[in-house]
Protein backbone atom coordinates (compact mmCIF):
# COMPACT_ATOMS: atom_id res chain seq x y z
CA MET A 1 21.61 -0.75 -3.08
CA ALA A 2 19.06 0.41 -0.61
CA LYS A 3 18.76 -1.77 2.70
CA HIS A 4 15.01 -1.38 3.24
CA VAL A 5 12.00 -3.62 2.11
CA ASN A 6 8.63 -2.52 0.69
CA LEU A 7 5.32 -4.43 1.48
CA ILE A 8 2.93 -4.94 -1.12
CA LYS A 9 -0.88 -5.86 -0.71
CA LEU A 10 -4.06 -6.24 -2.32
CA SER A 11 -6.45 -3.14 -1.75
CA VAL A 12 -9.95 -5.37 -1.64
CA GLY A 13 -13.01 -3.54 -2.72
CA THR A 14 -11.27 -0.31 -3.53
CA GLU A 15 -12.12 1.32 -6.94
CA SER A 16 -9.57 3.78 -6.95
CA VAL A 17 -6.51 5.80 -4.95
CA ALA A 18 -9.63 8.40 -3.74
CA ASP A 19 -11.37 5.13 -2.22
CA LEU A 20 -8.66 3.96 -0.47
CA ALA A 21 -7.92 7.48 1.00
CA ALA A 22 -11.99 7.90 2.02
CA TRP A 23 -12.07 4.62 3.74
CA GLN A 24 -8.79 5.35 5.80
CA LYS A 25 -10.10 9.00 7.23
CA THR A 26 -12.82 6.70 7.97
CA ARG A 27 -10.83 4.13 10.30
CA GLN A 28 -8.23 7.24 11.43
CA ALA A 29 -10.55 8.00 14.42
CA LEU A 30 -10.11 4.84 15.63
CA ALA A 31 -5.97 5.60 16.55
CA ALA A 32 -5.26 7.79 18.47
CA ASP A 33 -2.54 8.98 16.74
CA GLY A 34 -4.31 9.85 14.02
CA ASN A 35 -2.84 7.73 11.54
CA PRO A 36 -4.40 5.03 9.07
CA ARG A 37 -3.74 1.23 10.17
CA HIS A 38 -4.04 -1.56 8.50
CA VAL A 39 -4.48 -4.70 10.69
CA THR A 40 -2.93 -8.01 9.46
CA ARG A 41 -2.44 -11.43 11.20
CA MET A 42 0.67 -12.11 9.80
CA PHE A 43 3.42 -10.48 11.19
CA PRO A 44 6.67 -9.43 9.05
CA LYS A 45 9.40 -11.29 10.33
CA ARG A 46 11.88 -8.39 8.55
CA VAL A 47 10.84 -5.72 11.04
CA ASP A 48 14.09 -3.73 10.95
CA GLU A 49 14.24 -3.36 6.85
CA ILE A 50 10.75 -2.18 6.77
CA LEU A 51 10.94 0.49 9.80
CA ASP A 52 14.11 1.31 7.85
CA GLY A 53 12.57 3.38 5.17
CA GLY A 54 9.69 0.89 3.89
CA SER A 55 6.51 1.65 2.23
CA ILE A 56 3.21 -0.27 1.39
CA TYR A 57 2.45 -0.51 -2.31
CA TRP A 58 -1.26 -0.90 -2.82
CA VAL A 59 -2.73 -2.76 -5.93
CA ILE A 60 -6.35 -1.42 -6.43
CA LYS A 61 -8.04 -2.79 -9.53
CA GLY A 62 -4.79 -5.25 -10.83
CA ILE A 63 -2.61 -2.56 -10.78
CA ILE A 64 -0.43 -1.03 -8.44
CA GLN A 65 -1.70 2.61 -8.47
CA CYS A 66 -0.15 4.28 -5.15
CA ARG A 67 2.21 3.80 -1.91
CA GLN A 68 2.06 4.72 1.75
CA ARG A 69 5.75 5.24 3.99
CA ILE A 70 5.01 2.48 7.08
CA LEU A 71 5.77 4.39 10.43
CA SER A 72 5.39 1.01 12.41
CA LEU A 73 4.48 -1.89 13.00
CA ASP A 74 2.55 -2.55 16.16
CA GLU A 75 1.30 -5.57 17.84
CA VAL A 76 -2.54 -5.61 18.43
CA ASP A 77 -4.10 -7.72 20.87
CA ARG A 78 -7.79 -8.55 20.10
CA GLY A 79 -8.29 -10.66 23.68
CA ASP A 80 -8.48 -13.66 21.14
CA GLY A 81 -5.08 -15.53 21.37
CA ILE A 82 -4.74 -14.65 18.06
CA ARG A 83 -1.58 -12.00 17.49
CA ARG A 84 -2.13 -9.75 14.70
CA CYS A 85 0.24 -6.62 13.19
CA ALA A 86 -1.16 -3.06 13.00
CA ILE A 87 0.62 -1.30 10.46
CA VAL A 88 0.80 2.13 10.80
CA LEU A 89 1.05 3.99 8.00
CA ASP A 90 1.56 7.59 6.98
CA PRO A 91 -1.66 9.36 5.93
CA GLU A 92 -0.21 10.61 2.60
CA LEU A 93 -0.77 8.66 -0.98
CA HIS A 94 1.65 8.80 -3.53
CA HIS A 95 0.71 8.02 -6.75
CA THR A 96 2.67 5.78 -8.70
CA ALA A 97 3.06 4.78 -12.03
CA ALA A 98 1.12 1.35 -12.59
CA SER A 99 2.45 -1.57 -12.56
CA PRO A 100 0.15 -4.56 -13.26
CA ARG A 101 0.13 -7.30 -10.97
CA ARG A 102 -1.80 -11.14 -10.23
CA PRO A 103 -4.45 -11.56 -7.55
CA PHE A 104 -2.51 -12.43 -4.22
CA GLN A 105 -3.64 -13.62 -0.36
CA GLY A 106 -2.14 -11.53 2.57
CA TRP A 107 0.94 -9.18 1.96
CA ARG A 108 3.85 -10.01 0.30
CA TYR A 109 7.40 -8.54 0.25
CA LEU A 110 8.66 -5.86 -2.40
CA LYS A 111 12.42 -5.20 -3.03
CA PRO A 112 13.03 -1.70 -3.70
CA GLU A 113 14.33 -2.50 -7.63
CA ASP A 114 11.10 -4.31 -7.81
CA THR A 115 8.81 -0.84 -7.04
CA PRO A 116 7.19 1.37 -9.59
CA PRO A 117 8.15 5.00 -9.26
CA ASP A 118 6.09 7.82 -7.94
CA LEU A 119 4.29 10.07 -10.63
CA SER A 120 5.44 13.66 -10.18
CA THR A 121 2.96 15.43 -8.19
CA LYS A 122 2.09 17.45 -11.55
CA ARG A 123 0.58 13.75 -12.58
CA ALA A 124 -0.99 12.61 -9.37
CA ASN A 125 -3.69 14.78 -9.98
CA ASP A 126 -4.36 13.92 -13.17
CA ASP A 127 -8.05 12.01 -13.41
CA ALA A 128 -7.40 7.96 -13.33
CA LEU A 129 -8.30 6.12 -16.37
CA PRO A 130 -10.50 3.53 -16.43
CA ALA A 131 -9.31 0.49 -14.74
CA ASP A 132 -9.37 -1.72 -18.40
CA LEU A 133 -7.66 1.20 -20.06
CA SER A 134 -4.82 1.56 -17.80
CA GLN A 135 -4.53 -2.01 -17.14
CA ALA A 136 -3.87 -3.02 -20.93
CA LEU A 137 -1.57 -0.03 -20.95
CA ALA A 138 0.07 -1.27 -18.58
CA ASP A 139 0.46 -4.85 -19.70
CA ILE A 140 2.15 -3.45 -23.13
CA GLY A 141 4.61 -0.96 -21.10
CA VAL A 142 3.23 2.34 -21.74
CA LEU A 143 2.05 3.42 -18.63
């Protein structure tokens, strides 16, 4: 049994994995180390488990489509007294098997046994299916 835990997060306003990658590249300029960050108001309590091999799984258009390894969780101070967490991510996006998810707010913990498998590198470059077709196929268990 894996000791790590993952996070799952909606990528609001993103149309595809390529959109997410493009957005993160524009944000990378803000980080001294060049790694993308996602800043959230809630700081995870299970830090050690996340940093023991956890990833963030991105829900795009109602479907988990990719993941990124979490490198660190850094406290962010914007001078307003609100404690925030910067989830520091590996820039490499790993495409995953499509897995439908209902909308939710913020992030959630995701157990390793509940995560979709990564796609092979050969399939990661396949053209994306239209969101409605991908959703329908995932609903019946084909994707």
